[in-house]
Amino acid sequence: MRVGAQRNEPRDEVSRAEDALALEHQLCFALTVAARSVVGAYRPVLEQLGLTHPQYLAMLALWQRSPRSLKELSRELAHEPATLSVLLNRLQERGLVTRTRSDGDRRSILVDLTDEGARMRERAVAIPGIMLERLGLDRAGLEELNSRMRSLIDAAEQASHRPAPPI
């Protein structure tokens, strides 16, 4: 056997399964692919409303409670206010939201739905059911998945505030 020949041969299934650095064993990779795939499944549905996925999330938050401050909305959507402002520009250009300075605090910007933005909710109410069907989930499966994801998010947020162990 020549030197280096072993590196060019495919690894067998057992050694791959035991490899902690195998891509398919990485939680971060699975989450990234899942997020991209789910957003991709939403795309043709949201296109019917003329919304991108981030815009849809902003509209969901505003349908839940409106008006609300830009700061509050950015915190809920886990976006920096500057990033959210770009997204809101597009929604405002479409006549779906308005932004005004708060009377109580001129530094605070209030985001509110327009009548057209509020009416869009009537069509959007079908989206959750459509997506359950597209993804092959039922309500119980969705609740279980959401519960596990919330637990993972909480654990990741807690871990991000602790020092990392040495490697």
N, C-alpha and C. Protein backbone atom coordinates (compact mmCIF):
# COMPACT_ATOMS: atom_id res chain seq x y z
N MET A 1 0.85 -1.18 0.00
CA MET A 1 0.00 0.00 0.00
C MET A 1 0.88 1.23 0.00
N ARG A 2 0.55 2.17 -0.84
CA ARG A 2 1.35 3.38 -0.89
C ARG A 2 0.95 4.32 0.24
N VAL A 3 1.82 5.23 0.59
CA VAL A 3 1.57 6.18 1.66
C VAL A 3 0.41 7.08 1.25
N GLY A 4 -0.51 7.30 2.18
CA GLY A 4 -1.64 8.18 1.91
C GLY A 4 -2.80 7.48 1.23
N ALA A 5 -2.67 6.24 0.82
CA ALA A 5 -3.75 5.56 0.13
C ALA A 5 -4.98 5.43 1.01
N GLN A 6 -4.77 5.24 2.30
CA GLN A 6 -5.89 5.06 3.20
C GLN A 6 -6.76 6.32 3.27
N ARG A 7 -6.16 7.49 3.17
CA ARG A 7 -6.93 8.72 3.22
C ARG A 7 -7.84 8.88 2.01
N ASN A 8 -7.49 8.27 0.89
CA ASN A 8 -8.29 8.41 -0.32
C ASN A 8 -9.41 7.39 -0.40
N GLU A 9 -9.37 6.36 0.45
CA GLU A 9 -10.41 5.34 0.43
C GLU A 9 -11.62 5.83 1.23
N PRO A 10 -12.83 5.47 0.79
CA PRO A 10 -14.01 5.88 1.55
C PRO A 10 -14.01 5.26 2.94
N ARG A 11 -14.49 6.02 3.89
CA ARG A 11 -14.57 5.51 5.26
C ARG A 11 -15.78 4.61 5.36
N ASP A 12 -15.68 3.56 6.18
CA ASP A 12 -16.84 2.67 6.31
C ASP A 12 -17.90 3.30 7.22
N GLU A 13 -19.10 2.73 7.18
CA GLU A 13 -20.24 3.28 7.92
C GLU A 13 -19.99 3.36 9.42
N VAL A 14 -19.33 2.37 9.98
CA VAL A 14 -19.09 2.34 11.43
C VAL A 14 -18.20 3.50 11.85
N SER A 15 -17.11 3.73 11.13
CA SER A 15 -16.22 4.81 11.53
C SER A 15 -16.89 6.18 11.36
N ARG A 16 -17.75 6.32 10.34
CA ARG A 16 -18.48 7.58 10.16
C ARG A 16 -19.46 7.82 11.29
N ALA A 17 -20.14 6.76 11.73
CA ALA A 17 -21.11 6.89 12.81
C ALA A 17 -20.42 7.28 14.10
N GLU A 18 -19.18 6.87 14.26
CA GLU A 18 -18.45 7.18 15.48
C GLU A 18 -17.72 8.52 15.40
N ASP A 19 -17.70 9.14 14.26
CA ASP A 19 -16.98 10.40 14.08
C ASP A 19 -17.81 11.57 14.61
N ALA A 20 -17.40 12.13 15.72
CA ALA A 20 -18.13 13.23 16.35
C ALA A 20 -18.18 14.47 15.46
N LEU A 21 -17.26 14.58 14.52
CA LEU A 21 -17.22 15.74 13.64
C LEU A 21 -17.92 15.52 12.31
N ALA A 22 -18.59 14.38 12.16
CA ALA A 22 -19.32 14.13 10.92
C ALA A 22 -20.43 15.16 10.78
N LEU A 23 -20.54 15.73 9.61
CA LEU A 23 -21.53 16.78 9.36
C LEU A 23 -22.94 16.34 9.76
N GLU A 24 -23.28 15.12 9.43
CA GLU A 24 -24.64 14.64 9.72
C GLU A 24 -24.92 14.49 11.22
N HIS A 25 -23.89 14.59 12.04
CA HIS A 25 -24.07 14.51 13.49
C HIS A 25 -24.12 15.88 14.16
N GLN A 26 -24.04 16.92 13.39
CA GLN A 26 -23.99 18.27 13.95
C GLN A 26 -25.40 18.86 14.08
N LEU A 27 -25.77 19.21 15.29
CA LEU A 27 -27.06 19.84 15.54
C LEU A 27 -27.20 21.13 14.74
N CYS A 28 -26.14 21.92 14.72
CA CYS A 28 -26.20 23.21 14.01
C CYS A 28 -26.49 23.02 12.53
N PHE A 29 -25.94 21.96 11.93
CA PHE A 29 -26.17 21.71 10.51
C PHE A 29 -27.62 21.29 10.28
N ALA A 30 -28.13 20.40 11.11
CA ALA A 30 -29.51 19.94 10.96
C ALA A 30 -30.48 21.11 11.11
N LEU A 31 -30.22 21.98 12.07
CA LEU A 31 -31.10 23.14 12.28
C LEU A 31 -31.04 24.11 11.10
N THR A 32 -29.85 24.32 10.57
CA THR A 32 -29.69 25.23 9.43
C THR A 32 -30.44 24.70 8.21
N VAL A 33 -30.27 23.42 7.92
CA VAL A 33 -30.95 22.82 6.77
C VAL A 33 -32.46 22.81 6.98
N ALA A 34 -32.89 22.48 8.21
CA ALA A 34 -34.33 22.46 8.50
C ALA A 34 -34.92 23.86 8.33
N ALA A 35 -34.25 24.87 8.85
CA ALA A 35 -34.76 26.24 8.74
C ALA A 35 -34.88 26.66 7.28
N ARG A 36 -33.84 26.38 6.49
CA ARG A 36 -33.87 26.74 5.07
C ARG A 36 -35.00 26.00 4.35
N SER A 37 -35.16 24.73 4.67
CA SER A 37 -36.17 23.92 4.00
C SER A 37 -37.59 24.37 4.37
N VAL A 38 -37.81 24.67 5.63
CA VAL A 38 -39.14 25.11 6.06
C VAL A 38 -39.47 26.47 5.43
N VAL A 39 -38.52 27.39 5.45
CA VAL A 39 -38.74 28.70 4.81
C VAL A 39 -39.02 28.51 3.32
N GLY A 40 -38.31 27.58 2.69
CA GLY A 40 -38.56 27.28 1.28
C GLY A 40 -39.96 26.74 1.04
N ALA A 41 -40.47 25.95 1.97
CA ALA A 41 -41.83 25.43 1.84
C ALA A 41 -42.87 26.54 2.01
N TYR A 42 -42.55 27.53 2.82
CA TYR A 42 -43.45 28.68 3.00
C TYR A 42 -43.47 29.58 1.76
N ARG A 43 -42.35 29.66 1.05
CA ARG A 43 -42.19 30.65 -0.02
C ARG A 43 -43.37 30.72 -0.99
N PRO A 44 -43.78 29.60 -1.63
CA PRO A 44 -44.87 29.72 -2.62
C PRO A 44 -46.21 30.11 -1.99
N VAL A 45 -46.39 29.81 -0.72
CA VAL A 45 -47.62 30.20 -0.03
C VAL A 45 -47.60 31.70 0.23
N LEU A 46 -46.48 32.19 0.77
CA LEU A 46 -46.37 33.61 1.10
C LEU A 46 -46.33 34.50 -0.13
N GLU A 47 -45.81 33.97 -1.25
CA GLU A 47 -45.78 34.75 -2.48
C GLU A 47 -47.18 35.17 -2.91
N GLN A 48 -48.18 34.38 -2.56
CA GLN A 48 -49.56 34.72 -2.90
C GLN A 48 -50.03 35.99 -2.18
N LEU A 49 -49.38 36.31 -1.06
CA LEU A 49 -49.67 37.55 -0.33
C LEU A 49 -48.63 38.63 -0.64
N GLY A 50 -47.63 38.27 -1.43
CA GLY A 50 -46.57 39.22 -1.73
C GLY A 50 -45.63 39.46 -0.57
N LEU A 51 -45.50 38.48 0.33
CA LEU A 51 -44.66 38.62 1.51
C LEU A 51 -43.47 37.67 1.46
N THR A 52 -42.36 38.13 2.02
CA THR A 52 -41.23 37.24 2.29
C THR A 52 -41.47 36.62 3.67
N HIS A 53 -40.69 35.62 4.01
CA HIS A 53 -40.86 34.99 5.32
C HIS A 53 -40.61 35.97 6.47
N PRO A 54 -39.52 36.76 6.45
CA PRO A 54 -39.34 37.73 7.53
C PRO A 54 -40.48 38.76 7.61
N GLN A 55 -41.01 39.17 6.47
CA GLN A 55 -42.14 40.11 6.48
C GLN A 55 -43.38 39.44 7.09
N TYR A 56 -43.58 38.17 6.77
CA TYR A 56 -44.70 37.41 7.35
C TYR A 56 -44.59 37.36 8.87
N LEU A 57 -43.39 37.11 9.38
CA LEU A 57 -43.20 37.06 10.83
C LEU A 57 -43.52 38.41 11.47
N ALA A 58 -43.11 39.49 10.83
CA ALA A 58 -43.42 40.83 11.34
C ALA A 58 -44.93 41.06 11.33
N MET A 59 -45.59 40.66 10.27
CA MET A 59 -47.04 40.83 10.19
C MET A 59 -47.73 39.98 11.26
N LEU A 60 -47.25 38.76 11.49
CA LEU A 60 -47.84 37.92 12.55
C LEU A 60 -47.78 38.64 13.89
N ALA A 61 -46.62 39.21 14.19
CA ALA A 61 -46.46 39.91 15.47
C ALA A 61 -47.40 41.11 15.55
N LEU A 62 -47.56 41.81 14.44
CA LEU A 62 -48.45 42.98 14.44
C LEU A 62 -49.92 42.58 14.46
N TRP A 63 -50.27 41.47 13.83
CA TRP A 63 -51.65 40.99 13.92
C TRP A 63 -51.99 40.58 15.35
N GLN A 64 -50.98 40.13 16.06
CA GLN A 64 -51.17 39.73 17.45
C GLN A 64 -51.40 40.95 18.35
N ARG A 65 -50.61 42.00 18.11
CA ARG A 65 -50.76 43.23 18.90
C ARG A 65 -50.18 44.40 18.11
N SER A 66 -51.03 45.41 17.95
CA SER A 66 -50.62 46.58 17.19
C SER A 66 -51.38 47.78 17.74
N PRO A 67 -50.78 48.94 17.88
CA PRO A 67 -49.39 49.25 17.53
C PRO A 67 -48.44 48.75 18.61
N ARG A 68 -47.18 48.72 18.24
CA ARG A 68 -46.13 48.40 19.19
C ARG A 68 -44.87 49.13 18.79
N SER A 69 -43.97 49.28 19.75
CA SER A 69 -42.75 50.03 19.46
C SER A 69 -41.81 49.20 18.59
N LEU A 70 -41.00 49.90 17.82
CA LEU A 70 -39.99 49.24 17.00
C LEU A 70 -39.07 48.40 17.87
N LYS A 71 -38.70 48.94 19.03
CA LYS A 71 -37.81 48.22 19.95
C LYS A 71 -38.45 46.92 20.42
N GLU A 72 -39.71 46.97 20.80
CA GLU A 72 -40.43 45.78 21.25
C GLU A 72 -40.55 44.76 20.12
N LEU A 73 -40.89 45.23 18.94
CA LEU A 73 -41.03 44.35 17.78
C LEU A 73 -39.70 43.70 17.43
N SER A 74 -38.62 44.45 17.47
CA SER A 74 -37.30 43.89 17.14
C SER A 74 -36.89 42.85 18.18
N ARG A 75 -37.23 43.08 19.43
CA ARG A 75 -36.91 42.10 20.48
C ARG A 75 -37.70 40.81 20.26
N GLU A 76 -39.00 40.95 19.98
CA GLU A 76 -39.84 39.77 19.79
C GLU A 76 -39.41 38.95 18.57
N LEU A 77 -39.01 39.63 17.51
CA LEU A 77 -38.62 38.94 16.28
C LEU A 77 -37.14 38.56 16.25
N ALA A 78 -36.40 38.92 17.31
CA ALA A 78 -34.96 38.63 17.41
C ALA A 78 -34.19 39.23 16.23
N HIS A 79 -34.51 40.49 15.91
CA HIS A 79 -33.83 41.25 14.86
C HIS A 79 -33.27 42.53 15.47
N GLU A 80 -32.18 42.99 14.94
CA GLU A 80 -31.68 44.31 15.32
C GLU A 80 -32.65 45.35 14.75
N PRO A 81 -32.87 46.46 15.47
CA PRO A 81 -33.79 47.48 14.96
C PRO A 81 -33.44 47.96 13.54
N ALA A 82 -32.16 48.09 13.22
CA ALA A 82 -31.77 48.56 11.88
C ALA A 82 -32.19 47.55 10.81
N THR A 83 -32.02 46.26 11.09
CA THR A 83 -32.43 45.22 10.15
C THR A 83 -33.94 45.23 9.97
N LEU A 84 -34.64 45.36 11.08
CA LEU A 84 -36.09 45.38 11.04
C LEU A 84 -36.61 46.62 10.30
N SER A 85 -35.90 47.73 10.41
CA SER A 85 -36.32 48.96 9.72
C SER A 85 -36.35 48.76 8.21
N VAL A 86 -35.37 48.04 7.67
CA VAL A 86 -35.34 47.77 6.22
C VAL A 86 -36.57 46.95 5.83
N LEU A 87 -36.87 45.95 6.61
CA LEU A 87 -38.03 45.09 6.36
C LEU A 87 -39.32 45.92 6.45
N LEU A 88 -39.41 46.78 7.46
CA LEU A 88 -40.61 47.60 7.63
C LEU A 88 -40.76 48.64 6.52
N ASN A 89 -39.63 49.11 5.97
CA ASN A 89 -39.70 50.03 4.82
C ASN A 89 -40.51 49.40 3.70
N ARG A 90 -40.23 48.14 3.42
CA ARG A 90 -40.94 47.46 2.31
C ARG A 90 -42.42 47.29 2.63
N LEU A 91 -42.73 46.95 3.89
CA LEU A 91 -44.13 46.80 4.27
C LEU A 91 -44.85 48.14 4.23
N GLN A 92 -44.14 49.20 4.59
CA GLN A 92 -44.74 50.54 4.55
C GLN A 92 -44.96 50.98 3.10
N GLU A 93 -44.00 50.70 2.23
CA GLU A 93 -44.15 51.04 0.81
C GLU A 93 -45.36 50.35 0.20
N ARG A 94 -45.68 49.16 0.68
CA ARG A 94 -46.83 48.41 0.18
C ARG A 94 -48.13 48.85 0.84
N GLY A 95 -48.04 49.76 1.79
CA GLY A 95 -49.25 50.26 2.45
C GLY A 95 -49.80 49.33 3.52
N LEU A 96 -48.95 48.46 4.08
CA LEU A 96 -49.41 47.50 5.08
C LEU A 96 -49.19 47.98 6.51
N VAL A 97 -48.18 48.82 6.72
CA VAL A 97 -47.88 49.33 8.06
C VAL A 97 -47.57 50.83 7.99
N THR A 98 -47.65 51.46 9.15
CA THR A 98 -47.20 52.84 9.29
C THR A 98 -46.23 52.89 10.46
N ARG A 99 -45.36 53.89 10.41
CA ARG A 99 -44.45 54.15 11.53
C ARG A 99 -44.58 55.61 11.92
N THR A 100 -44.77 55.83 13.21
CA THR A 100 -44.89 57.20 13.70
C THR A 100 -44.09 57.33 14.99
N ARG A 101 -43.69 58.55 15.28
CA ARG A 101 -43.01 58.83 16.55
C ARG A 101 -44.03 58.77 17.67
N SER A 102 -43.63 58.19 18.79
CA SER A 102 -44.50 58.12 19.96
C SER A 102 -44.70 59.51 20.54
N ASP A 103 -45.92 59.82 20.94
CA ASP A 103 -46.19 61.11 21.58
C ASP A 103 -45.48 61.20 22.93
N GLY A 104 -45.42 60.09 23.65
CA GLY A 104 -44.80 60.09 24.97
C GLY A 104 -43.29 60.16 24.94
N ASP A 105 -42.69 59.59 23.91
CA ASP A 105 -41.22 59.55 23.80
C ASP A 105 -40.87 59.71 22.33
N ARG A 106 -40.43 60.87 21.94
CA ARG A 106 -40.15 61.16 20.53
C ARG A 106 -39.05 60.27 19.95
N ARG A 107 -38.25 59.63 20.81
CA ARG A 107 -37.22 58.72 20.31
C ARG A 107 -37.80 57.36 19.93
N SER A 108 -38.97 57.05 20.44
CA SER A 108 -39.61 55.76 20.21
C SER A 108 -40.47 55.82 18.95
N ILE A 109 -40.36 54.77 18.14
CA ILE A 109 -41.14 54.68 16.90
C ILE A 109 -42.20 53.61 17.09
N LEU A 110 -43.45 53.96 16.80
CA LEU A 110 -44.55 53.02 16.89
C LEU A 110 -44.86 52.45 15.51
N VAL A 111 -45.01 51.14 15.45
CA VAL A 111 -45.35 50.46 14.20
C VAL A 111 -46.80 50.01 14.33
N ASP A 112 -47.60 50.32 13.33
CA ASP A 112 -49.02 49.98 13.37
C ASP A 112 -49.44 49.43 12.01
N LEU A 113 -50.49 48.64 12.03
CA LEU A 113 -51.07 48.12 10.79
C LEU A 113 -51.95 49.18 10.15
N THR A 114 -51.95 49.23 8.84
CA THR A 114 -52.94 50.02 8.12
C THR A 114 -54.19 49.16 7.99
N ASP A 115 -55.26 49.73 7.46
CA ASP A 115 -56.47 48.94 7.22
C ASP A 115 -56.16 47.79 6.27
N GLU A 116 -55.36 48.07 5.25
CA GLU A 116 -54.99 47.02 4.29
C GLU A 116 -54.18 45.92 4.96
N GLY A 117 -53.25 46.30 5.83
CA GLY A 117 -52.46 45.32 6.57
C GLY A 117 -53.32 44.47 7.48
N ALA A 118 -54.29 45.08 8.13
CA ALA A 118 -55.21 44.34 8.99
C ALA A 118 -56.08 43.39 8.17
N ARG A 119 -56.53 43.84 6.98
CA ARG A 119 -57.36 42.99 6.11
C ARG A 119 -56.59 41.78 5.59
N MET A 120 -55.28 41.93 5.40
CA MET A 120 -54.48 40.82 4.90
C MET A 120 -54.58 39.60 5.82
N ARG A 121 -54.82 39.85 7.09
CA ARG A 121 -54.94 38.76 8.07
C ARG A 121 -56.03 37.76 7.67
N GLU A 122 -57.11 38.26 7.06
CA GLU A 122 -58.22 37.40 6.65
C GLU A 122 -57.75 36.31 5.69
N ARG A 123 -56.83 36.62 4.81
CA ARG A 123 -56.29 35.62 3.89
C ARG A 123 -55.22 34.78 4.58
N ALA A 124 -54.41 35.43 5.41
CA ALA A 124 -53.28 34.75 6.05
C ALA A 124 -53.72 33.70 7.06
N VAL A 125 -54.94 33.80 7.55
CA VAL A 125 -55.39 32.85 8.57
C VAL A 125 -55.34 31.40 8.06
N ALA A 126 -55.36 31.21 6.76
CA ALA A 126 -55.29 29.86 6.18
C ALA A 126 -53.87 29.29 6.18
N ILE A 127 -52.86 30.13 6.33
CA ILE A 127 -51.47 29.68 6.17
C ILE A 127 -51.06 28.59 7.16
N PRO A 128 -51.33 28.71 8.46
CA PRO A 128 -50.88 27.64 9.36
C PRO A 128 -51.40 26.25 8.97
N GLY A 129 -52.68 26.16 8.61
CA GLY A 129 -53.23 24.87 8.19
C GLY A 129 -52.60 24.36 6.90
N ILE A 130 -52.39 25.27 5.96
CA ILE A 130 -51.75 24.90 4.70
C ILE A 130 -50.35 24.36 4.97
N MET A 131 -49.62 25.03 5.86
CA MET A 131 -48.24 24.61 6.14
C MET A 131 -48.19 23.28 6.89
N LEU A 132 -49.13 23.03 7.79
CA LEU A 132 -49.17 21.73 8.46
C LEU A 132 -49.30 20.63 7.41
N GLU A 133 -50.21 20.84 6.46
CA GLU A 133 -50.42 19.85 5.41
C GLU A 133 -49.18 19.71 4.53
N ARG A 134 -48.58 20.82 4.13
CA ARG A 134 -47.39 20.77 3.26
C ARG A 134 -46.24 20.04 3.93
N LEU A 135 -46.13 20.19 5.26
CA LEU A 135 -45.02 19.58 5.99
C LEU A 135 -45.38 18.21 6.58
N GLY A 136 -46.60 17.76 6.37
CA GLY A 136 -47.00 16.45 6.86
C GLY A 136 -47.09 16.37 8.38
N LEU A 137 -47.49 17.47 9.01
CA LEU A 137 -47.62 17.50 10.46
C LEU A 137 -49.09 17.60 10.85
N ASP A 138 -49.40 17.12 12.05
CA ASP A 138 -50.71 17.38 12.63
C ASP A 138 -50.52 18.34 13.81
N ARG A 139 -51.61 18.79 14.41
CA ARG A 139 -51.51 19.76 15.51
C ARG A 139 -50.67 19.23 16.66
N ALA A 140 -50.86 17.96 17.03
CA ALA A 140 -50.10 17.39 18.14
C ALA A 140 -48.61 17.36 17.81
N GLY A 141 -48.28 16.98 16.58
CA GLY A 141 -46.88 16.96 16.16
C GLY A 141 -46.26 18.35 16.17
N LEU A 142 -47.05 19.34 15.75
CA LEU A 142 -46.56 20.72 15.75
C LEU A 142 -46.32 21.20 17.18
N GLU A 143 -47.26 20.91 18.08
CA GLU A 143 -47.10 21.32 19.48
C GLU A 143 -45.86 20.68 20.10
N GLU A 144 -45.64 19.41 19.82
CA GLU A 144 -44.46 18.70 20.34
C GLU A 144 -43.18 19.32 19.78
N LEU A 145 -43.16 19.56 18.48
CA LEU A 145 -41.99 20.16 17.84
C LEU A 145 -41.73 21.56 18.39
N ASN A 146 -42.77 22.37 18.52
CA ASN A 146 -42.61 23.72 19.07
C ASN A 146 -42.10 23.68 20.50
N SER A 147 -42.59 22.75 21.29
CA SER A 147 -42.14 22.62 22.68
C SER A 147 -40.66 22.28 22.73
N ARG A 148 -40.24 21.34 21.92
CA ARG A 148 -38.82 20.96 21.88
C ARG A 148 -37.95 22.11 21.37
N MET A 149 -38.44 22.82 20.37
CA MET A 149 -37.67 23.95 19.84
C MET A 149 -37.54 25.06 20.89
N ARG A 150 -38.62 25.35 21.62
CA ARG A 150 -38.54 26.38 22.68
C ARG A 150 -37.53 25.97 23.74
N SER A 151 -37.53 24.68 24.11
CA SER A 151 -36.55 24.19 25.09
C SER A 151 -35.13 24.35 24.56
N LEU A 152 -34.93 24.03 23.29
CA LEU A 152 -33.61 24.17 22.68
C LEU A 152 -33.19 25.64 22.63
N ILE A 153 -34.11 26.51 22.26
CA ILE A 153 -33.81 27.95 22.21
C ILE A 153 -33.42 28.45 23.59
N ASP A 154 -34.19 28.07 24.60
CA ASP A 154 -33.88 28.49 25.98
C ASP A 154 -32.50 28.00 26.39
N ALA A 155 -32.21 26.72 26.11
CA ALA A 155 -30.90 26.16 26.47
C ALA A 155 -29.77 26.88 25.74
N ALA A 156 -29.97 27.17 24.46
CA ALA A 156 -28.94 27.85 23.67
C ALA A 156 -28.72 29.27 24.18
N GLU A 157 -29.81 29.96 24.53
CA GLU A 157 -29.66 31.33 25.05
C GLU A 157 -28.92 31.32 26.39
N GLN A 158 -29.22 30.35 27.24
CA GLN A 158 -28.51 30.25 28.52
C GLN A 158 -27.04 29.93 28.27
N ALA A 159 -26.76 29.01 27.35
CA ALA A 159 -25.38 28.63 27.06
C ALA A 159 -24.59 29.81 26.49
N SER A 160 -25.25 30.67 25.74
CA SER A 160 -24.54 31.80 25.14
C SER A 160 -24.07 32.81 26.17
N HIS A 161 -24.60 32.74 27.38
CA HIS A 161 -24.20 33.66 28.44
C HIS A 161 -23.18 33.06 29.40
N ARG A 162 -22.80 31.81 29.14
CA ARG A 162 -21.79 31.16 29.97
C ARG A 162 -20.49 31.06 29.19
N PRO A 163 -19.35 31.08 29.89
CA PRO A 163 -18.09 30.91 29.18
C PRO A 163 -18.00 29.50 28.58
N ALA A 164 -17.38 29.40 27.43
CA ALA A 164 -17.21 28.10 26.78
C ALA A 164 -16.07 27.34 27.45
N PRO A 165 -16.22 26.02 27.56
CA PRO A 165 -15.12 25.24 28.11
C PRO A 165 -13.96 25.20 27.12
N PRO A 166 -12.75 24.96 27.60
CA PRO A 166 -11.62 24.88 26.67
C PRO A 166 -11.74 23.64 25.78
N ILE A 167 -11.22 23.76 24.56
CA ILE A 167 -11.23 22.60 23.65
C ILE A 167 -9.81 22.16 23.37
